[in-house]
Amino acid sequence: MDKRSTIEGSPAAKMVQLMKKHGFNKEMSIETATVVSPLPNLSLHLESDGILLDCDDLIIADDLTDHTRFIEPIIIGNTTISQVTFKSCLKAGDKVTVIGDNDTQYYYVINKVGD
């Protein structure tokens, strides 16, 4: 019987698990962080070494920010809806997945972890 480890979670969590399992890259690190203050002045506390990152250190995935998505038009009553606006889901205390780039010293905030 072939024993395989299961990859679980959101698409971003699965990507992180695969990257940890199959490759090592000294220039990039995958870490978790805690939101200290939410957008627009996002700051994060890295769990691995306790560093406090401010918004100048971060590149944030659009899905975590206030953003608008265009959709196929739908009609509800006399109203046609062709776009949906999403608000940032990040609040103080939330956990996020970050990828640290040692070359540029930027941290890419790619996903909120859990609820």
PDB file of N, CA and C in Angstrom:
ATOM      1  N   MET A   1       0.852  -1.183   0.000  1.00  0.00           N
ATOM      2  CA  MET A   1       0.000   0.000   0.000  1.00  0.00           C
ATOM      3  C   MET A   1       0.888   1.233   0.000  1.00  0.00           C
ATOM      4  N   ASP A   2       0.543   2.177  -0.848  1.00  0.00           N
ATOM      5  CA  ASP A   2       1.307   3.414  -0.974  1.00  0.00           C
ATOM      6  C   ASP A   2       0.826   4.417   0.063  1.00  0.00           C
ATOM      7  N   LYS A   3       1.723   4.817   0.955  1.00  0.00           N
ATOM      8  CA  LYS A   3       1.360   5.807   1.970  1.00  0.00           C
ATOM      9  C   LYS A   3       1.771   7.185   1.473  1.00  0.00           C
ATOM     10  N   ARG A   4       0.798   8.032   1.297  1.00  0.00           N
ATOM     11  CA  ARG A   4       1.056   9.395   0.845  1.00  0.00           C
ATOM     12  C   ARG A   4       0.529  10.364   1.887  1.00  0.00           C
ATOM     13  N   SER A   5       1.284  11.437   2.099  1.00  0.00           N
ATOM     14  CA  SER A   5       0.784  12.455   3.020  1.00  0.00           C
ATOM     15  C   SER A   5      -0.300  13.244   2.301  1.00  0.00           C
ATOM     16  N   THR A   6      -1.324  13.600   3.033  1.00  0.00           N
ATOM     17  CA  THR A   6      -2.414  14.344   2.423  1.00  0.00           C
ATOM     18  C   THR A   6      -2.121  15.832   2.489  1.00  0.00           C
ATOM     19  N   ILE A   7      -2.481  16.512   1.437  1.00  0.00           N
ATOM     20  CA  ILE A   7      -2.345  17.965   1.360  1.00  0.00           C
ATOM     21  C   ILE A   7      -3.748  18.520   1.563  1.00  0.00           C
ATOM     22  N   GLU A   8      -3.940  19.343   2.601  1.00  0.00           N
ATOM     23  CA  GLU A   8      -5.269  19.822   2.944  1.00  0.00           C
ATOM     24  C   GLU A   8      -5.295  21.331   3.073  1.00  0.00           C
ATOM     25  N   GLY A   9      -6.514  21.891   3.033  1.00  0.00           N
ATOM     26  CA  GLY A   9      -6.699  23.314   3.268  1.00  0.00           C
ATOM     27  C   GLY A   9      -7.051  24.066   2.000  1.00  0.00           C
ATOM     28  N   SER A  10      -6.954  25.385   2.084  1.00  0.00           N
ATOM     29  CA  SER A  10      -7.260  26.262   0.956  1.00  0.00           C
ATOM     30  C   SER A  10      -6.202  26.083  -0.131  1.00  0.00           C
ATOM     31  N   PRO A  11      -6.465  26.601  -1.335  1.00  0.00           N
ATOM     32  CA  PRO A  11      -5.446  26.504  -2.392  1.00  0.00           C
ATOM     33  C   PRO A  11      -4.100  27.092  -1.979  1.00  0.00           C
ATOM     34  N   ALA A  12      -4.112  28.216  -1.293  1.00  0.00           N
ATOM     35  CA  ALA A  12      -2.847  28.830  -0.860  1.00  0.00           C
ATOM     36  C   ALA A  12      -2.158  27.956   0.187  1.00  0.00           C
ATOM     37  N   ALA A  13      -2.930  27.377   1.111  1.00  0.00           N
ATOM     38  CA  ALA A  13      -2.347  26.500   2.135  1.00  0.00           C
ATOM     39  C   ALA A  13      -1.746  25.250   1.493  1.00  0.00           C
ATOM     40  N   LYS A  14      -2.423  24.718   0.463  1.00  0.00           N
ATOM     41  CA  LYS A  14      -1.890  23.555  -0.253  1.00  0.00           C
ATOM     42  C   LYS A  14      -0.574  23.912  -0.943  1.00  0.00           C
ATOM     43  N   MET A  15      -0.523  25.102  -1.543  1.00  0.00           N
ATOM     44  CA  MET A  15       0.703  25.530  -2.210  1.00  0.00           C
ATOM     45  C   MET A  15       1.858  25.606  -1.206  1.00  0.00           C
ATOM     46  N   VAL A  16       1.601  26.172  -0.050  1.00  0.00           N
ATOM     47  CA  VAL A  16       2.630  26.284   0.984  1.00  0.00           C
ATOM     48  C   VAL A  16       3.113  24.898   1.400  1.00  0.00           C
ATOM     49  N   GLN A  17       2.190  23.961   1.598  1.00  0.00           N
ATOM     50  CA  GLN A  17       2.565  22.606   1.998  1.00  0.00           C
ATOM     51  C   GLN A  17       3.420  21.925   0.935  1.00  0.00           C
ATOM     52  N   LEU A  18       3.045  22.094  -0.341  1.00  0.00           N
ATOM     53  CA  LEU A  18       3.828  21.491  -1.428  1.00  0.00           C
ATOM     54  C   LEU A  18       5.218  22.100  -1.520  1.00  0.00           C
ATOM     55  N   MET A  19       5.304  23.407  -1.349  1.00  0.00           N
ATOM     56  CA  MET A  19       6.605  24.065  -1.410  1.00  0.00           C
ATOM     57  C   MET A  19       7.498  23.593  -0.266  1.00  0.00           C
ATOM     58  N   LYS A  20       6.937  23.443   0.920  1.00  0.00           N
ATOM     59  CA  LYS A  20       7.721  22.954   2.055  1.00  0.00           C
ATOM     60  C   LYS A  20       8.171  21.516   1.841  1.00  0.00           C
ATOM     61  N   LYS A  21       7.303  20.711   1.201  1.00  0.00           N
ATOM     62  CA  LYS A  21       7.594  19.297   1.014  1.00  0.00           C
ATOM     63  C   LYS A  21       8.640  19.050  -0.078  1.00  0.00           C
ATOM     64  N   HIS A  22       8.585  19.819  -1.169  1.00  0.00           N
ATOM     65  CA  HIS A  22       9.370  19.489  -2.350  1.00  0.00           C
ATOM     66  C   HIS A  22      10.552  20.394  -2.642  1.00  0.00           C
ATOM     67  N   GLY A  23      10.704  21.445  -1.919  1.00  0.00           N
ATOM     68  CA  GLY A  23      11.819  22.308  -2.284  1.00  0.00           C
ATOM     69  C   GLY A  23      12.268  23.228  -1.179  1.00  0.00           C
ATOM     70  N   PHE A  24      13.527  23.589  -1.252  1.00  0.00           N
ATOM     71  CA  PHE A  24      14.104  24.541  -0.315  1.00  0.00           C
ATOM     72  C   PHE A  24      14.741  25.652  -1.120  1.00  0.00           C
ATOM     73  N   ASN A  25      14.477  26.853  -0.743  1.00  0.00           N
ATOM     74  CA  ASN A  25      14.994  28.004  -1.444  1.00  0.00           C
ATOM     75  C   ASN A  25      15.476  28.996  -0.392  1.00  0.00           C
ATOM     76  N   LYS A  26      16.766  29.213  -0.323  1.00  0.00           N
ATOM     77  CA  LYS A  26      17.324  30.110   0.690  1.00  0.00           C
ATOM     78  C   LYS A  26      16.841  31.543   0.515  1.00  0.00           C
ATOM     79  N   GLU A  27      16.502  31.922  -0.707  1.00  0.00           N
ATOM     80  CA  GLU A  27      16.105  33.305  -0.965  1.00  0.00           C
ATOM     81  C   GLU A  27      14.667  33.599  -0.540  1.00  0.00           C
ATOM     82  N   MET A  28      13.872  32.559  -0.364  1.00  0.00           N
ATOM     83  CA  MET A  28      12.463  32.740  -0.010  1.00  0.00           C
ATOM     84  C   MET A  28      12.150  31.915   1.234  1.00  0.00           C
ATOM     85  N   SER A  29      11.292  32.455   2.087  1.00  0.00           N
ATOM     86  CA  SER A  29      10.849  31.718   3.268  1.00  0.00           C
ATOM     87  C   SER A  29       9.341  31.852   3.406  1.00  0.00           C
ATOM     88  N   ILE A  30       8.697  30.787   3.833  1.00  0.00           N
ATOM     89  CA  ILE A  30       7.256  30.792   4.043  1.00  0.00           C
ATOM     90  C   ILE A  30       7.019  30.799   5.543  1.00  0.00           C
ATOM     91  N   GLU A  31       6.257  31.776   5.994  1.00  0.00           N
ATOM     92  CA  GLU A  31       6.069  31.959   7.428  1.00  0.00           C
ATOM     93  C   GLU A  31       4.630  32.349   7.722  1.00  0.00           C
ATOM     94  N   THR A  32       4.280  32.304   8.984  1.00  0.00           N
ATOM     95  CA  THR A  32       2.997  32.846   9.416  1.00  0.00           C
ATOM     96  C   THR A  32       3.256  34.092  10.250  1.00  0.00           C
ATOM     97  N   ALA A  33       2.278  34.976  10.225  1.00  0.00           N
ATOM     98  CA  ALA A  33       2.383  36.230  10.966  1.00  0.00           C
ATOM     99  C   ALA A  33       1.016  36.561  11.552  1.00  0.00           C
ATOM    100  N   THR A  34       1.028  37.418  12.557  1.00  0.00           N
ATOM    101  CA  THR A  34      -0.199  37.883  13.197  1.00  0.00           C
ATOM    102  C   THR A  34      -0.415  39.353  12.840  1.00  0.00           C
ATOM    103  N   VAL A  35      -1.655  39.684  12.462  1.00  0.00           N
ATOM    104  CA  VAL A  35      -1.991  41.070  12.154  1.00  0.00           C
ATOM    105  C   VAL A  35      -1.993  41.873  13.451  1.00  0.00           C
ATOM    106  N   VAL A  36      -1.162  42.922  13.494  1.00  0.00           N
ATOM    107  CA  VAL A  36      -1.120  43.825  14.647  1.00  0.00           C
ATOM    108  C   VAL A  36      -2.099  44.964  14.421  1.00  0.00           C
ATOM    109  N   SER A  37      -2.057  45.563  13.222  1.00  0.00           N
ATOM    110  CA  SER A  37      -3.027  46.599  12.859  1.00  0.00           C
ATOM    111  C   SER A  37      -3.485  46.343  11.427  1.00  0.00           C
ATOM    112  N   PRO A  38      -4.789  46.523  11.170  1.00  0.00           N
ATOM    113  CA  PRO A  38      -5.346  46.206   9.853  1.00  0.00           C
ATOM    114  C   PRO A  38      -5.035  47.286   8.815  1.00  0.00           C
ATOM    115  N   LEU A  39      -5.455  47.016   7.585  1.00  0.00           N
ATOM    116  CA  LEU A  39      -5.327  48.002   6.516  1.00  0.00           C
ATOM    117  C   LEU A  39      -6.113  49.253   6.890  1.00  0.00           C
ATOM    118  N   PRO A  40      -5.709  50.426   6.458  1.00  0.00           N
ATOM    119  CA  PRO A  40      -4.760  50.703   5.381  1.00  0.00           C
ATOM    120  C   PRO A  40      -3.296  50.727   5.832  1.00  0.00           C
ATOM    121  N   ASN A  41      -3.037  50.738   7.124  1.00  0.00           N
ATOM    122  CA  ASN A  41      -1.647  50.753   7.621  1.00  0.00           C
ATOM    123  C   ASN A  41      -1.318  49.405   8.239  1.00  0.00           C
ATOM    124  N   LEU A  42      -1.388  48.367   7.417  1.00  0.00           N
ATOM    125  CA  LEU A  42      -1.187  47.009   7.891  1.00  0.00           C
ATOM    126  C   LEU A  42       0.184  46.845   8.529  1.00  0.00           C
ATOM    127  N   SER A  43       0.203  46.213   9.698  1.00  0.00           N
ATOM    128  CA  SER A  43       1.465  45.803  10.307  1.00  0.00           C
ATOM    129  C   SER A  43       1.293  44.378  10.807  1.00  0.00           C
ATOM    130  N   LEU A  44       2.383  43.600  10.697  1.00  0.00           N
ATOM    131  CA  LEU A  44       2.361  42.189  11.040  1.00  0.00           C
ATOM    132  C   LEU A  44       3.492  41.853  11.998  1.00  0.00           C
ATOM    133  N   HIS A  45       3.261  40.875  12.841  1.00  0.00           N
ATOM    134  CA  HIS A  45       4.278  40.349  13.752  1.00  0.00           C
ATOM    135  C   HIS A  45       4.644  38.957  13.261  1.00  0.00           C
ATOM    136  N   LEU A  46       5.884  38.776  12.781  1.00  0.00           N
ATOM    137  CA  LEU A  46       6.333  37.465  12.313  1.00  0.00           C
ATOM    138  C   LEU A  46       6.488  36.523  13.491  1.00  0.00           C
ATOM    139  N   GLU A  47       5.889  35.348  13.390  1.00  0.00           N
ATOM    140  CA  GLU A  47       5.935  34.398  14.494  1.00  0.00           C
ATOM    141  C   GLU A  47       7.307  33.744  14.633  1.00  0.00           C
ATOM    142  N   SER A  48       8.060  33.625  13.540  1.00  0.00           N
ATOM    143  CA  SER A  48       9.330  32.906  13.583  1.00  0.00           C
ATOM    144  C   SER A  48      10.409  33.645  14.366  1.00  0.00           C
ATOM    145  N   ASP A  49      10.484  34.956  14.208  1.00  0.00           N
ATOM    146  CA  ASP A  49      11.564  35.688  14.876  1.00  0.00           C
ATOM    147  C   ASP A  49      11.112  36.976  15.567  1.00  0.00           C
ATOM    148  N   GLY A  50       9.805  37.210  15.622  1.00  0.00           N
ATOM    149  CA  GLY A  50       9.291  38.342  16.376  1.00  0.00           C
ATOM    150  C   GLY A  50       9.442  39.701  15.723  1.00  0.00           C
ATOM    151  N   ILE A  51       9.845  39.748  14.465  1.00  0.00           N
ATOM    152  CA  ILE A  51      10.015  41.029  13.770  1.00  0.00           C
ATOM    153  C   ILE A  51       8.656  41.646  13.507  1.00  0.00           C
ATOM    154  N   LEU A  52       8.564  42.962  13.673  1.00  0.00           N
ATOM    155  CA  LEU A  52       7.352  43.711  13.349  1.00  0.00           C
ATOM    156  C   LEU A  52       7.529  44.313  11.962  1.00  0.00           C
ATOM    157  N   LEU A  53       6.626  43.959  11.039  1.00  0.00           N
ATOM    158  CA  LEU A  53       6.674  44.466   9.666  1.00  0.00           C
ATOM    159  C   LEU A  53       5.595  45.520   9.493  1.00  0.00           C
ATOM    160  N   ASP A  54       5.949  46.638   8.842  1.00  0.00           N
ATOM    161  CA  ASP A  54       4.927  47.643   8.555  1.00  0.00           C
ATOM    162  C   ASP A  54       4.583  47.608   7.074  1.00  0.00           C
ATOM    163  N   CYS A  55       3.615  48.436   6.660  1.00  0.00           N
ATOM    164  CA  CYS A  55       3.091  48.361   5.298  1.00  0.00           C
ATOM    165  C   CYS A  55       4.164  48.606   4.226  1.00  0.00           C
ATOM    166  N   ASP A  56       5.251  49.314   4.557  1.00  0.00           N
ATOM    167  CA  ASP A  56       6.322  49.537   3.585  1.00  0.00           C
ATOM    168  C   ASP A  56       7.088  48.253   3.264  1.00  0.00           C
ATOM    169  N   ASP A  57       7.000  47.252   4.135  1.00  0.00           N
ATOM    170  CA  ASP A  57       7.700  45.976   3.947  1.00  0.00           C
ATOM    171  C   ASP A  57       6.845  44.940   3.225  1.00  0.00           C
ATOM    172  N   LEU A  58       5.567  45.259   2.988  1.00  0.00           N
ATOM    173  CA  LEU A  58       4.595  44.261   2.569  1.00  0.00           C
ATOM    174  C   LEU A  58       4.058  44.497   1.166  1.00  0.00           C
ATOM    175  N   ILE A  59       3.842  43.399   0.453  1.00  0.00           N
ATOM    176  CA  ILE A  59       3.093  43.398  -0.800  1.00  0.00           C
ATOM    177  C   ILE A  59       1.901  42.491  -0.533  1.00  0.00           C
ATOM    178  N   ILE A  60       0.697  43.038  -0.671  1.00  0.00           N
ATOM    179  CA  ILE A  60      -0.505  42.370  -0.183  1.00  0.00           C
ATOM    180  C   ILE A  60      -1.354  41.878  -1.354  1.00  0.00           C
ATOM    181  N   ALA A  61      -1.770  40.619  -1.294  1.00  0.00           N
ATOM    182  CA  ALA A  61      -2.641  40.048  -2.320  1.00  0.00           C
ATOM    183  C   ALA A  61      -3.938  40.844  -2.386  1.00  0.00           C
ATOM    184  N   ASP A  62      -4.411  41.096  -3.609  1.00  0.00           N
ATOM    185  CA  ASP A  62      -5.638  41.873  -3.814  1.00  0.00           C
ATOM    186  C   ASP A  62      -6.823  41.315  -3.038  1.00  0.00           C
ATOM    187  N   ASP A  63      -6.917  39.989  -2.944  1.00  0.00           N
ATOM    188  CA  ASP A  63      -8.059  39.379  -2.268  1.00  0.00           C
ATOM    189  C   ASP A  63      -8.149  39.751  -0.794  1.00  0.00           C
ATOM    190  N   LEU A  64      -7.078  40.252  -0.207  1.00  0.00           N
ATOM    191  CA  LEU A  64      -7.075  40.635   1.203  1.00  0.00           C
ATOM    192  C   LEU A  64      -7.360  42.110   1.415  1.00  0.00           C
ATOM    193  N   THR A  65      -7.465  42.869   0.326  1.00  0.00           N
ATOM    194  CA  THR A  65      -7.689  44.311   0.402  1.00  0.00           C
ATOM    195  C   THR A  65      -9.117  44.640  -0.026  1.00  0.00           C
ATOM    196  N   ASP A  66      -9.519  45.897   0.148  1.00  0.00           N
ATOM    197  CA  ASP A  66     -10.763  46.360  -0.449  1.00  0.00           C
ATOM    198  C   ASP A  66     -10.572  46.300  -1.959  1.00  0.00           C
ATOM    199  N   HIS A  67     -11.473  45.617  -2.658  1.00  0.00           N
ATOM    200  CA  HIS A  67     -11.331  45.501  -4.105  1.00  0.00           C
ATOM    201  C   HIS A  67     -12.676  45.243  -4.759  1.00  0.00           C
ATOM    202  N   THR A  68     -12.735  45.520  -6.051  1.00  0.00           N
ATOM    203  CA  THR A  68     -13.944  45.323  -6.834  1.00  0.00           C
ATOM    204  C   THR A  68     -13.684  44.268  -7.900  1.00  0.00           C
ATOM    205  N   ARG A  69     -14.631  43.369  -8.069  1.00  0.00           N
ATOM    206  CA  ARG A  69     -14.558  42.348  -9.111  1.00  0.00           C
ATOM    207  C   ARG A  69     -15.723  42.573 -10.075  1.00  0.00           C
ATOM    208  N   PHE A  70     -15.431  42.460 -11.344  1.00  0.00           N
ATOM    209  CA  PHE A  70     -16.474  42.568 -12.356  1.00  0.00           C
ATOM    210  C   PHE A  70     -17.018  41.172 -12.642  1.00  0.00           C
ATOM    211  N   ILE A  71     -18.331  41.093 -12.745  1.00  0.00           N
ATOM    212  CA  ILE A  71     -18.983  39.809 -12.941  1.00  0.00           C
ATOM    213  C   ILE A  71     -19.880  39.882 -14.172  1.00  0.00           C
ATOM    214  N   GLU A  72     -20.313  38.716 -14.626  1.00  0.00           N
ATOM    215  CA  GLU A  72     -21.322  38.690 -15.679  1.00  0.00           C
ATOM    216  C   GLU A  72     -22.560  39.388 -15.113  1.00  0.00           C
ATOM    217  N   PRO A  73     -23.141  40.304 -15.875  1.00  0.00           N
ATOM    218  CA  PRO A  73     -24.308  41.035 -15.348  1.00  0.00           C
ATOM    219  C   PRO A  73     -25.443  40.095 -14.946  1.00  0.00           C
ATOM    220  N   ILE A  74     -26.022  40.409 -13.789  1.00  0.00           N
ATOM    221  CA  ILE A  74     -27.217  39.701 -13.340  1.00  0.00           C
ATOM    222  C   ILE A  74     -28.286  40.746 -13.060  1.00  0.00           C
ATOM    223  N   ILE A  75     -29.522  40.352 -13.262  1.00  0.00           N
ATOM    224  CA  ILE A  75     -30.637  41.284 -13.067  1.00  0.00           C
ATOM    225  C   ILE A  75     -31.442  40.813 -11.873  1.00  0.00           C
ATOM    226  N   ILE A  76     -31.601  41.733 -10.911  1.00  0.00           N
ATOM    227  CA  ILE A  76     -32.417  41.475  -9.734  1.00  0.00           C
ATOM    228  C   ILE A  76     -33.481  42.561  -9.711  1.00  0.00           C
ATOM    229  N   GLY A  77     -34.719  42.172 -10.008  1.00  0.00           N
ATOM    230  CA  GLY A  77     -35.787  43.166 -10.128  1.00  0.00           C
ATOM    231  C   GLY A  77     -35.493  44.079 -11.299  1.00  0.00           C
ATOM    232  N   ASN A  78     -35.399  45.382 -11.040  1.00  0.00           N
ATOM    233  CA  ASN A  78     -35.086  46.371 -12.076  1.00  0.00           C
ATOM    234  C   ASN A  78     -33.624  46.798 -12.029  1.00  0.00           C
ATOM    235  N   THR A  79     -32.793  46.101 -11.256  1.00  0.00           N
ATOM    236  CA  THR A  79     -31.393  46.480 -11.067  1.00  0.00           C
ATOM    237  C   THR A  79     -30.471  45.469 -11.745  1.00  0.00           C
ATOM    238  N   THR A  80     -29.520  45.992 -12.522  1.00  0.00           N
ATOM    239  CA  THR A  80     -28.501  45.152 -13.132  1.00  0.00           C
ATOM    240  C   THR A  80     -27.214  45.307 -12.328  1.00  0.00           C
ATOM    241  N   ILE A  81     -26.667  44.186 -11.901  1.00  0.00           N
ATOM    242  CA  ILE A  81     -25.433  44.200 -11.121  1.00  0.00           C
ATOM    243  C   ILE A  81     -24.323  43.606 -11.983  1.00  0.00           C
ATOM    244  N   SER A  82     -23.227  44.387 -12.154  1.00  0.00           N
ATOM    245  CA  SER A  82     -22.111  43.901 -12.977  1.00  0.00           C
ATOM    246  C   SER A  82     -20.775  43.962 -12.237  1.00  0.00           C
ATOM    247  N   GLN A  83     -20.814  44.397 -10.994  1.00  0.00           N
ATOM    248  CA  GLN A  83     -19.596  44.389 -10.192  1.00  0.00           C
ATOM    249  C   GLN A  83     -19.941  44.196  -8.727  1.00  0.00           C
ATOM    250  N   VAL A  84     -18.998  43.614  -7.998  1.00  0.00           N
ATOM    251  CA  VAL A  84     -19.175  43.362  -6.572  1.00  0.00           C
ATOM    252  C   VAL A  84     -17.956  43.926  -5.857  1.00  0.00           C
ATOM    253  N   THR A  85     -18.182  44.670  -4.779  1.00  0.00           N
ATOM    254  CA  THR A  85     -17.086  45.239  -4.004  1.00  0.00           C
ATOM    255  C   THR A  85     -16.911  44.427  -2.726  1.00  0.00           C
ATOM    256  N   PHE A  86     -15.657  44.039  -2.470  1.00  0.00           N
ATOM    257  CA  PHE A  86     -15.303  43.279  -1.280  1.00  0.00           C
ATOM    258  C   PHE A  86     -14.493  44.168  -0.348  1.00  0.00           C
ATOM    259  N   LYS A  87     -14.718  44.039   0.935  1.00  0.00           N
ATOM    260  CA  LYS A  87     -13.950  44.765   1.945  1.00  0.00           C
ATOM    261  C   LYS A  87     -12.835  43.874   2.477  1.00  0.00           C
ATOM    262  N   SER A  88     -11.786  44.497   2.957  1.00  0.00           N
ATOM    263  CA  SER A  88     -10.676  43.741   3.531  1.00  0.00           C
ATOM    264  C   SER A  88     -11.186  42.872   4.676  1.00  0.00           C
ATOM    265  N   CYS A  89     -10.703  41.634   4.710  1.00  0.00           N
ATOM    266  CA  CYS A  89     -11.140  40.696   5.748  1.00  0.00           C
ATOM    267  C   CYS A  89     -10.179  40.659   6.930  1.00  0.00           C
ATOM    268  N   LEU A  90      -9.089  41.436   6.873  1.00  0.00           N
ATOM    269  CA  LEU A  90      -8.062  41.350   7.912  1.00  0.00           C
ATOM    270  C   LEU A  90      -8.384  42.245   9.100  1.00  0.00           C
ATOM    271  N   LYS A  91      -8.212  41.664  10.293  1.00  0.00           N
ATOM    272  CA  LYS A  91      -8.386  42.445  11.519  1.00  0.00           C
ATOM    273  C   LYS A  91      -7.292  42.043  12.498  1.00  0.00           C
ATOM    274  N   ALA A  92      -7.064  42.861  13.500  1.00  0.00           N
ATOM    275  CA  ALA A  92      -6.029  42.576  14.499  1.00  0.00           C
ATOM    276  C   ALA A  92      -6.255  41.191  15.099  1.00  0.00           C
ATOM    277  N   GLY A  93      -5.161  40.431  15.198  1.00  0.00           N
ATOM    278  CA  GLY A  93      -5.218  39.091  15.760  1.00  0.00           C
ATOM    279  C   GLY A  93      -5.317  37.983  14.723  1.00  0.00           C
ATOM    280  N   ASP A  94      -5.681  38.330  13.480  1.00  0.00           N
ATOM    281  CA  ASP A  94      -5.754  37.322  12.416  1.00  0.00           C
ATOM    282  C   ASP A  94      -4.368  36.789  12.085  1.00  0.00           C
ATOM    283  N   LYS A  95      -4.321  35.536  11.639  1.00  0.00           N
ATOM    284  CA  LYS A  95      -3.084  34.920  11.166  1.00  0.00           C
ATOM    285  C   LYS A  95      -3.067  34.984   9.641  1.00  0.00           C
ATOM    286  N   VAL A  96      -1.891  35.243   9.081  1.00  0.00           N
ATOM    287  CA  VAL A  96      -1.727  35.290   7.630  1.00  0.00           C
ATOM    288  C   VAL A  96      -0.490  34.489   7.229  1.00  0.00           C
ATOM    289  N   THR A  97      -0.478  34.045   5.974  1.00  0.00           N
ATOM    290  CA  THR A  97       0.682  33.387   5.400  1.00  0.00           C
ATOM    291  C   THR A  97       1.476  34.427   4.635  1.00  0.00           C
ATOM    292  N   VAL A  98       2.785  34.486   4.885  1.00  0.00           N
ATOM    293  CA  VAL A  98       3.650  35.430   4.176  1.00  0.00           C
ATOM    294  C   VAL A  98       4.823  34.683   3.566  1.00  0.00           C
ATOM    295  N   ILE A  99       5.267  35.172   2.417  1.00  0.00           N
ATOM    296  CA  ILE A  99       6.477  34.658   1.782  1.00  0.00           C
ATOM    297  C   ILE A  99       7.507  35.774   1.857  1.00  0.00           C
ATOM    298  N   GLY A 100       8.605  35.512   2.535  1.00  0.00           N
ATOM    299  CA  GLY A 100       9.673  36.501   2.676  1.00  0.00           C
ATOM    300  C   GLY A 100      10.696  36.336   1.565  1.00  0.00           C
ATOM    301  N   ASP A 101      11.028  37.434   0.906  1.00  0.00           N
ATOM    302  CA  ASP A 101      12.041  37.435  -0.154  1.00  0.00           C
ATOM    303  C   ASP A 101      13.305  38.069   0.404  1.00  0.00           C
ATOM    304  N   ASN A 102      14.314  37.247   0.666  1.00  0.00           N
ATOM    305  CA  ASN A 102      15.543  37.745   1.277  1.00  0.00           C
ATOM    306  C   ASN A 102      16.313  38.705   0.381  1.00  0.00           C
ATOM    307  N   ASP A 103      16.149  38.577  -0.947  1.00  0.00           N
ATOM    308  CA  ASP A 103      16.847  39.481  -1.863  1.00  0.00           C
ATOM    309  C   ASP A 103      16.278  40.901  -1.806  1.00  0.00           C
ATOM    310  N   THR A 104      14.958  41.019  -1.841  1.00  0.00           N
ATOM    311  CA  THR A 104      14.339  42.349  -1.881  1.00  0.00           C
ATOM    312  C   THR A 104      13.950  42.864  -0.505  1.00  0.00           C
ATOM    313  N   GLN A 105      13.900  41.956   0.483  1.00  0.00           N
ATOM    314  CA  GLN A 105      13.456  42.276   1.839  1.00  0.00           C
ATOM    315  C   GLN A 105      11.972  42.624   1.906  1.00  0.00           C
ATOM    316  N   TYR A 106      11.190  42.196   0.901  1.00  0.00           N
ATOM    317  CA  TYR A 106       9.740  42.351   0.932  1.00  0.00           C
ATOM    318  C   TYR A 106       9.105  41.061   1.428  1.00  0.00           C
ATOM    319  N   TYR A 107       7.932  41.203   2.005  1.00  0.00           N
ATOM    320  CA  TYR A 107       7.140  40.061   2.432  1.00  0.00           C
ATOM    321  C   TYR A 107       5.817  40.114   1.687  1.00  0.00           C
ATOM    322  N   TYR A 108       5.475  39.010   1.018  1.00  0.00           N
ATOM    323  CA  TYR A 108       4.242  38.902   0.242  1.00  0.00           C
ATOM    324  C   TYR A 108       3.178  38.264   1.127  1.00  0.00           C
ATOM    325  N   VAL A 109       2.123  39.004   1.404  1.00  0.00           N
ATOM    326  CA  VAL A 109       1.026  38.507   2.221  1.00  0.00           C
ATOM    327  C   VAL A 109       0.042  37.848   1.251  1.00  0.00           C
ATOM    328  N   ILE A 110      -0.047  36.514   1.308  1.00  0.00           N
ATOM    329  CA  ILE A 110      -0.789  35.799   0.270  1.00  0.00           C
ATOM    330  C   ILE A 110      -2.128  35.235   0.710  1.00  0.00           C
ATOM    331  N   ASN A 111      -2.352  35.078   2.025  1.00  0.00           N
ATOM    332  CA  ASN A 111      -3.546  34.380   2.426  1.00  0.00           C
ATOM    333  C   ASN A 111      -3.828  34.613   3.910  1.00  0.00           C
ATOM    334  N   LYS A 112      -5.108  34.660   4.232  1.00  0.00           N
ATOM    335  CA  LYS A 112      -5.514  34.639   5.633  1.00  0.00           C
ATOM    336  C   LYS A 112      -5.613  33.178   6.044  1.00  0.00           C
ATOM    337  N   VAL A 113      -5.159  32.851   7.241  1.00  0.00           N
ATOM    338  CA  VAL A 113      -5.152  31.476   7.723  1.00  0.00           C
ATOM    339  C   VAL A 113      -6.355  31.280   8.638  1.00  0.00           C
ATOM    340  N   GLY A 114      -7.282  30.404   8.244  1.00  0.00           N
ATOM    341  CA  GLY A 114      -8.436  30.081   9.076  1.00  0.00           C
ATOM    342  C   GLY A 114      -9.347  31.266   9.309  1.00  0.00           C
ATOM    343  N   ASP A 115     -10.232  31.108  10.314  1.00  0.00           N
ATOM    344  CA  ASP A 115     -11.167  32.183  10.668  1.00  0.00           C
ATOM    345  C   ASP A 115     -10.805  32.808  11.979  1.00  0.00           C
TER     346      ASP A 115
END
